[in-house]
């Protein structure tokens, strides 16, 4: 090997060593810059949230299922008893019914022309209650609740279907006379008339209620 070749190889080796040192220094500088960036972000976060305190472990708390509200059974029974007792089956309706074929009724103090207007359809029917197939006690409660709801909603004219009793033993209408009696006992009822044939005829009543 010549002397010139040895010097060239040595110079090349020095250049490679220098390049490696530069790369190593560059990597160290990049790592330091990343560490400084992370530290700066952490400092900003701590400054933003302020001083914190580590909470101790108080242990788990077993959550109890919410107990359902008790059903007021006695109150419901009392209300049902009030409904049953508010309308009597012993009420005599014959003395209060007009002797026309429609067996109309007007509350004392209400003009008889009200019944005529009701029969002519001056007031349009707003709601209907169908008592078909109900037992007497169920029909009584349904009628009381229906009249109460009518007052609440402001319905003036309603139809109550009690049926003609053709399916009853002896084909005697069970509910018809009772519904007549019950309606007379309600202070909200101003008048009622037998419905026109197209509206149920002898199996239904048109009922006019006083304003709520």
C-alpha atoms as a PDB file:
ATOM      1  CA  UNK A   1       0.000   0.000   0.000  1.00  0.00           C
ATOM      2  CA  UNK A   2       1.356   3.411  -0.917  1.00  0.00           C
ATOM      3  CA  UNK A   3       1.693   6.269   1.516  1.00  0.00           C
ATOM      4  CA  UNK A   4      -0.857   8.374  -0.384  1.00  0.00           C
ATOM      5  CA  UNK A   5      -3.478   5.652  -0.136  1.00  0.00           C
ATOM      6  CA  UNK A   6      -3.023   5.380   3.620  1.00  0.00           C
ATOM      7  CA  UNK A   7      -3.515   9.110   4.082  1.00  0.00           C
ATOM      8  CA  UNK A   8      -6.684   9.054   1.976  1.00  0.00           C
ATOM      9  CA  UNK A   9      -8.149   6.186   3.987  1.00  0.00           C
ATOM     10  CA  UNK A  10      -7.319   7.943   7.244  1.00  0.00           C
ATOM     11  CA  UNK A  11      -8.991  11.149   6.080  1.00  0.00           C
ATOM     12  CA  UNK A  12     -12.102   9.208   5.032  1.00  0.00           C
ATOM     13  CA  UNK A  13     -12.236   7.466   8.430  1.00  0.00           C
ATOM     14  CA  UNK A  14     -12.019  10.805  10.247  1.00  0.00           C
ATOM     15  CA  UNK A  15     -14.854  12.168   8.106  1.00  0.00           C
ATOM     16  CA  UNK A  16     -17.076   9.187   8.946  1.00  0.00           C
ATOM     17  CA  UNK A  17     -16.342   9.572  12.654  1.00  0.00           C
ATOM     18  CA  UNK A  18     -17.202  13.265  12.463  1.00  0.00           C
ATOM     19  CA  UNK A  19     -20.502  12.568  10.679  1.00  0.00           C
ATOM     20  CA  UNK A  20     -21.456   9.966  13.291  1.00  0.00           C
ATOM     21  CA  UNK A  21     -20.741  12.460  16.083  1.00  0.00           C
ATOM     22  CA  UNK A  22     -22.899  15.065  14.373  1.00  0.00           C
ATOM     23  CA  UNK A  23     -25.793  12.609  14.019  1.00  0.00           C
ATOM     24  CA  UNK A  24     -25.444  11.560  17.688  1.00  0.00           C
ATOM     25  CA  UNK A  25     -25.419  15.173  18.826  1.00  0.00           C
ATOM     26  CA  UNK A  26     -28.461  15.921  16.657  1.00  0.00           C
ATOM     27  CA  UNK A  27     -30.396  12.993  18.176  1.00  0.00           C
ATOM     28  CA  UNK A  28     -29.490  14.106  21.710  1.00  0.00           C
ATOM     29  CA  UNK A  29     -30.608  17.643  20.915  1.00  0.00           C
ATOM     30  CA  UNK A  30     -33.940  16.369  19.540  1.00  0.00           C
ATOM     31  CA  UNK A  31     -34.518  14.272  22.681  1.00  0.00           C
ATOM     32  CA  UNK A  32     -33.770  17.219  24.910  1.00  0.00           C
ATOM     33  CA  UNK A  33     -36.153  19.434  22.924  1.00  0.00           C
ATOM     34  CA  UNK A  34     -38.948  16.791  23.264  1.00  0.00           C
ATOM     35  CA  UNK A  35     -38.361  16.537  27.010  1.00  0.00           C
ATOM     36  CA  UNK A  36     -38.520  20.316  27.353  1.00  0.00           C
ATOM     37  CA  UNK A  37     -41.778  20.389  25.316  1.00  0.00           C
ATOM     38  CA  UNK A  38     -43.411  17.711  27.482  1.00  0.00           C
ATOM     39  CA  UNK A  39     -42.289  19.439  30.660  1.00  0.00           C
ATOM     40  CA  UNK A  40     -43.710  22.724  29.410  1.00  0.00           C
ATOM     41  CA  UNK A  41     -47.078  21.079  28.640  1.00  0.00           C
ATOM     42  CA  UNK A  42     -47.166  19.463  32.091  1.00  0.00           C
ATOM     43  CA  UNK A  43     -46.363  22.796  33.732  1.00  0.00           C
ATOM     44  CA  UNK A  44     -49.166  24.495  31.782  1.00  0.00           C
ATOM     45  CA  UNK A  45     -51.638  21.753  32.805  1.00  0.00           C
ATOM     46  CA  UNK A  46     -50.698  22.010  36.486  1.00  0.00           C
ATOM     47  CA  UNK A  47     -50.965  25.784  36.365  1.00  0.00           C
ATOM     48  CA  UNK A  48     -54.413  25.504  34.781  1.00  0.00           C
ATOM     49  CA  UNK A  49     -55.928  23.056  37.308  1.00  0.00           C
ATOM     50  CA  UNK A  50     -54.216  24.493  40.337  1.00  0.00           C
ATOM     51  CA  UNK A  51     -53.356  22.614  43.479  1.00  0.00           C
ATOM     52  CA  UNK A  52     -54.896  19.149  43.736  1.00  0.00           C
ATOM     53  CA  UNK A  53     -55.322  16.770  46.624  1.00  0.00           C
ATOM     54  CA  UNK A  54     -55.363  13.024  46.346  1.00  0.00           C
ATOM     55  CA  UNK A  55     -58.581  11.570  47.669  1.00  0.00           C
ATOM     56  CA  UNK A  56     -58.363   8.589  49.943  1.00  0.00           C
ATOM     57  CA  UNK A  57     -60.085   5.325  49.093  1.00  0.00           C
ATOM     58  CA  UNK A  58     -63.257   5.309  51.154  1.00  0.00           C
ATOM     59  CA  UNK A  59     -64.254   1.893  49.881  1.00  0.00           C
ATOM     60  CA  UNK A  60     -67.210   0.901  47.797  1.00  0.00           C
ATOM     61  CA  UNK A  61     -70.720   1.755  48.849  1.00  0.00           C
ATOM     62  CA  UNK A  62     -73.417  -0.775  48.039  1.00  0.00           C
ATOM     63  CA  UNK A  63     -76.275   1.027  46.321  1.00  0.00           C
ATOM     64  CA  UNK A  64     -79.692  -0.073  47.485  1.00  0.00           C
ATOM     65  CA  UNK A  65     -82.505  -0.427  44.988  1.00  0.00           C
ATOM     66  CA  UNK A  66     -85.151   2.280  45.351  1.00  0.00           C
ATOM     67  CA  UNK A  67     -88.187   0.886  47.090  1.00  0.00           C
ATOM     68  CA  UNK A  68     -91.459   1.283  45.191  1.00  0.00           C
ATOM     69  CA  UNK A  69     -94.022   3.680  46.568  1.00  0.00           C
ATOM     70  CA  UNK A  70     -96.573   1.884  48.725  1.00  0.00           C
ATOM     71  CA  UNK A  71     -99.976   1.392  47.132  1.00  0.00           C
ATOM     72  CA  UNK A  72    -102.647   3.269  49.123  1.00  0.00           C
ATOM     73  CA  UNK A  73    -104.968   0.273  49.184  1.00  0.00           C
ATOM     74  CA  UNK A  74    -107.217   1.561  51.942  1.00  0.00           C
ATOM     75  CA  UNK A  75    -107.609   4.966  50.283  1.00  0.00           C
ATOM     76  CA  UNK A  76    -108.589   3.307  47.011  1.00  0.00           C
ATOM     77  CA  UNK A  77    -111.107   1.129  48.816  1.00  0.00           C
ATOM     78  CA  UNK A  78    -112.530   4.186  50.571  1.00  0.00           C
ATOM     79  CA  UNK A  79    -112.895   6.041  47.260  1.00  0.00           C
ATOM     80  CA  UNK A  80    -114.682   3.083  45.705  1.00  0.00           C
ATOM     81  CA  UNK A  81    -117.049   2.939  48.666  1.00  0.00           C
ATOM     82  CA  UNK A  82    -117.788   6.658  48.240  1.00  0.00           C
ATOM     83  CA  UNK A  83    -118.588   6.072  44.576  1.00  0.00           C
ATOM     84  CA  UNK A  84    -120.939   3.225  45.422  1.00  0.00           C
ATOM     85  CA  UNK A  85    -122.716   5.089  48.187  1.00  0.00           C
ATOM     86  CA  UNK A  86    -122.996   8.367  46.249  1.00  0.00           C
ATOM     87  CA  UNK A  87    -125.683   6.922  43.964  1.00  0.00           C
ATOM     88  CA  UNK A  88    -128.516   5.059  45.579  1.00  0.00           C
ATOM     89  CA  UNK A  89    -130.650   2.377  43.950  1.00  0.00           C
ATOM     90  CA  UNK A  90    -133.537   3.281  46.261  1.00  0.00           C
ATOM     91  CA  UNK A  91    -134.089   6.658  44.650  1.00  0.00           C
ATOM     92  CA  UNK A  92    -137.636   7.031  43.293  1.00  0.00           C
ATOM     93  CA  UNK A  93    -137.421   8.389  39.759  1.00  0.00           C
ATOM     94  CA  UNK A  94    -141.062   8.069  38.746  1.00  0.00           C
ATOM     95  CA  UNK A  95    -142.170  11.324  40.355  1.00  0.00           C
ATOM     96  CA  UNK A  96    -139.462  13.326  38.587  1.00  0.00           C
ATOM     97  CA  UNK A  97    -139.824  11.969  35.073  1.00  0.00           C
ATOM     98  CA  UNK A  98    -142.048  13.694  32.549  1.00  0.00           C
ATOM     99  CA  UNK A  99    -144.906  11.516  31.393  1.00  0.00           C
ATOM    100  CA  UNK A 100    -143.938  11.754  27.728  1.00  0.00           C
ATOM    101  CA  UNK A 101    -142.836   8.715  25.755  1.00  0.00           C
ATOM    102  CA  UNK A 102    -139.215   9.788  25.999  1.00  0.00           C
ATOM    103  CA  UNK A 103    -139.248   9.813  29.819  1.00  0.00           C
ATOM    104  CA  UNK A 104    -137.255  13.033  29.879  1.00  0.00           C
ATOM    105  CA  UNK A 105    -135.930  14.669  33.020  1.00  0.00           C
ATOM    106  CA  UNK A 106    -135.139  18.279  33.851  1.00  0.00           C
ATOM    107  CA  UNK A 107    -133.586  19.378  37.107  1.00  0.00           C
ATOM    108  CA  UNK A 108    -135.888  21.452  39.336  1.00  0.00           C
ATOM    109  CA  UNK A 109    -135.515  25.092  38.377  1.00  0.00           C
ATOM    110  CA  UNK A 110    -134.496  24.280  34.784  1.00  0.00           C
ATOM    111  CA  UNK A 111    -137.022  25.175  32.088  1.00  0.00           C
ATOM    112  CA  UNK A 112    -138.772  22.315  30.290  1.00  0.00           C
ATOM    113  CA  UNK A 113    -137.756  23.839  26.981  1.00  0.00           C
ATOM    114  CA  UNK A 114    -134.215  22.642  27.772  1.00  0.00           C
ATOM    115  CA  UNK A 115    -135.343  19.029  27.362  1.00  0.00           C
ATOM    116  CA  UNK A 116    -137.017  19.873  24.051  1.00  0.00           C
ATOM    117  CA  UNK A 117    -133.883  21.594  22.777  1.00  0.00           C
ATOM    118  CA  UNK A 118    -131.781  18.655  23.938  1.00  0.00           C
ATOM    119  CA  UNK A 119    -134.033  16.260  22.023  1.00  0.00           C
ATOM    120  CA  UNK A 120    -133.820  18.412  18.895  1.00  0.00           C
ATOM    121  CA  UNK A 121    -130.034  18.294  18.996  1.00  0.00           C
ATOM    122  CA  UNK A 122    -129.331  21.918  19.874  1.00  0.00           C
ATOM    123  CA  UNK A 123    -126.274  20.717  21.789  1.00  0.00           C
ATOM    124  CA  UNK A 124    -123.937  18.415  19.891  1.00  0.00           C
ATOM    125  CA  UNK A 125    -122.799  15.239  21.638  1.00  0.00           C
ATOM    126  CA  UNK A 126    -119.186  15.590  22.733  1.00  0.00           C
ATOM    127  CA  UNK A 127    -118.497  12.241  24.390  1.00  0.00           C
ATOM    128  CA  UNK A 128    -120.182   8.869  24.934  1.00  0.00           C
ATOM    129  CA  UNK A 129    -120.189   6.306  27.736  1.00  0.00           C
ATOM    130  CA  UNK A 130    -121.172   2.750  26.811  1.00  0.00           C
ATOM    131  CA  UNK A 131    -122.296   0.653  29.798  1.00  0.00           C
ATOM    132  CA  UNK A 132    -123.158  -2.426  27.737  1.00  0.00           C
ATOM    133  CA  UNK A 133    -122.189  -5.667  29.455  1.00  0.00           C
ATOM    134  CA  UNK A 134    -121.146  -4.076  32.753  1.00  0.00           C
ATOM    135  CA  UNK A 135    -122.339  -5.295  36.118  1.00  0.00           C
ATOM    136  CA  UNK A 136    -124.464  -2.878  38.113  1.00  0.00           C
ATOM    137  CA  UNK A 137    -121.663  -1.864  40.499  1.00  0.00           C
ATOM    138  CA  UNK A 138    -119.169  -1.423  37.674  1.00  0.00           C
ATOM    139  CA  UNK A 139    -121.686   0.620  35.692  1.00  0.00           C
ATOM    140  CA  UNK A 140    -122.360   2.845  38.714  1.00  0.00           C
ATOM    141  CA  UNK A 141    -118.673   3.603  39.218  1.00  0.00           C
ATOM    142  CA  UNK A 142    -118.114   4.134  35.500  1.00  0.00           C
ATOM    143  CA  UNK A 143    -120.970   6.648  35.341  1.00  0.00           C
ATOM    144  CA  UNK A 144    -119.713   8.618  38.357  1.00  0.00           C
ATOM    145  CA  UNK A 145    -116.216   8.821  36.938  1.00  0.00           C
ATOM    146  CA  UNK A 146    -117.533   9.754  33.497  1.00  0.00           C
ATOM    147  CA  UNK A 147    -119.609  12.649  34.845  1.00  0.00           C
ATOM    148  CA  UNK A 148    -116.642  13.803  36.928  1.00  0.00           C
ATOM    149  CA  UNK A 149    -114.369  13.761  33.870  1.00  0.00           C
ATOM    150  CA  UNK A 150    -117.011  15.555  31.808  1.00  0.00           C
ATOM    151  CA  UNK A 151    -117.103  18.369  34.351  1.00  0.00           C
ATOM    152  CA  UNK A 152    -113.316  18.533  34.379  1.00  0.00           C
ATOM    153  CA  UNK A 153    -113.101  18.703  30.578  1.00  0.00           C
ATOM    154  CA  UNK A 154    -116.028  21.083  30.175  1.00  0.00           C
ATOM    155  CA  UNK A 155    -118.243  18.713  28.144  1.00  0.00           C
ATOM    156  CA  UNK A 156    -121.828  19.967  28.082  1.00  0.00           C
ATOM    157  CA  UNK A 157    -123.676  17.235  26.157  1.00  0.00           C
ATOM    158  CA  UNK A 158    -122.868  13.528  26.414  1.00  0.00           C
ATOM    159  CA  UNK A 159    -124.541  10.264  25.477  1.00  0.00           C
ATOM    160  CA  UNK A 160    -124.920   7.414  27.962  1.00  0.00           C
ATOM    161  CA  UNK A 161    -125.693   4.032  26.420  1.00  0.00           C
ATOM    162  CA  UNK A 162    -127.356   1.678  28.885  1.00  0.00           C
ATOM    163  CA  UNK A 163    -128.815  -0.801  26.407  1.00  0.00           C
ATOM    164  CA  UNK A 164    -132.347  -2.028  25.873  1.00  0.00           C
ATOM    165  CA  UNK A 165    -131.951  -5.101  28.047  1.00  0.00           C
ATOM    166  CA  UNK A 166    -132.828  -7.563  25.286  1.00  0.00           C
ATOM    167  CA  UNK A 167    -130.079  -9.879  26.453  1.00  0.00           C
ATOM    168  CA  UNK A 168    -131.082  -9.763  30.123  1.00  0.00           C
ATOM    169  CA  UNK A 169    -133.058 -12.533  31.845  1.00  0.00           C
ATOM    170  CA  UNK A 170    -136.721 -11.990  30.991  1.00  0.00           C
ATOM    171  CA  UNK A 171    -135.550  -9.293  28.577  1.00  0.00           C
ATOM    172  CA  UNK A 172    -135.938  -6.768  31.367  1.00  0.00           C
ATOM    173  CA  UNK A 173    -133.541  -3.840  31.144  1.00  0.00           C
ATOM    174  CA  UNK A 174    -131.386  -3.992  34.267  1.00  0.00           C
ATOM    175  CA  UNK A 175    -129.380  -0.804  33.803  1.00  0.00           C
ATOM    176  CA  UNK A 176    -131.958   1.453  32.179  1.00  0.00           C
ATOM    177  CA  UNK A 177    -133.943   2.387  35.291  1.00  0.00           C
ATOM    178  CA  UNK A 178    -130.805   2.544  37.400  1.00  0.00           C
ATOM    179  CA  UNK A 179    -129.061   4.914  34.989  1.00  0.00           C
ATOM    180  CA  UNK A 180    -132.160   7.150  35.036  1.00  0.00           C
ATOM    181  CA  UNK A 181    -132.012   7.175  38.826  1.00  0.00           C
ATOM    182  CA  UNK A 182    -128.271   7.690  39.089  1.00  0.00           C
ATOM    183  CA  UNK A 183    -128.270  10.630  36.693  1.00  0.00           C
ATOM    184  CA  UNK A 184    -131.004  12.376  38.660  1.00  0.00           C
ATOM    185  CA  UNK A 185    -128.887  12.169  41.773  1.00  0.00           C
ATOM    186  CA  UNK A 186    -125.928  13.927  40.152  1.00  0.00           C
ATOM    187  CA  UNK A 187    -125.998  17.676  40.778  1.00  0.00           C
ATOM    188  CA  UNK A 188    -124.068  18.202  37.537  1.00  0.00           C
ATOM    189  CA  UNK A 189    -126.970  16.869  35.432  1.00  0.00           C
ATOM    190  CA  UNK A 190    -129.362  19.555  34.215  1.00  0.00           C
ATOM    191  CA  UNK A 191    -131.506  17.376  31.980  1.00  0.00           C
ATOM    192  CA  UNK A 192    -131.604  14.199  29.953  1.00  0.00           C
ATOM    193  CA  UNK A 193    -133.837  12.743  27.263  1.00  0.00           C
ATOM    194  CA  UNK A 194    -134.112   9.444  25.480  1.00  0.00           C
ATOM    195  CA  UNK A 195    -131.893   9.463  22.410  1.00  0.00           C
ATOM    196  CA  UNK A 196    -133.345   9.652  18.933  1.00  0.00           C
ATOM    197  CA  UNK A 197    -133.519   6.350  17.037  1.00  0.00           C
ATOM    198  CA  UNK A 198    -130.397   7.214  15.063  1.00  0.00           C
ATOM    199  CA  UNK A 199    -128.519   7.842  18.330  1.00  0.00           C
ATOM    200  CA  UNK A 200    -129.558   4.696  20.169  1.00  0.00           C
ATOM    201  CA  UNK A 201    -133.240   5.220  20.814  1.00  0.00           C
ATOM    202  CA  UNK A 202    -134.564   3.537  23.942  1.00  0.00           C
ATOM    203  CA  UNK A 203    -131.108   2.171  24.693  1.00  0.00           C
ATOM    204  CA  UNK A 204    -129.420   5.521  25.291  1.00  0.00           C
ATOM    205  CA  UNK A 205    -129.827   8.921  26.900  1.00  0.00           C
ATOM    206  CA  UNK A 206    -128.671  12.365  25.858  1.00  0.00           C
ATOM    207  CA  UNK A 207    -127.481  14.171  28.972  1.00  0.00           C
ATOM    208  CA  UNK A 208    -126.968  17.918  29.408  1.00  0.00           C
ATOM    209  CA  UNK A 209    -124.470  18.902  32.093  1.00  0.00           C
ATOM    210  CA  UNK A 210    -124.074  22.244  33.777  1.00  0.00           C
ATOM    211  CA  UNK A 211    -120.964  24.242  32.888  1.00  0.00           C
ATOM    212  CA  UNK A 212    -117.874  23.267  34.886  1.00  0.00           C
END
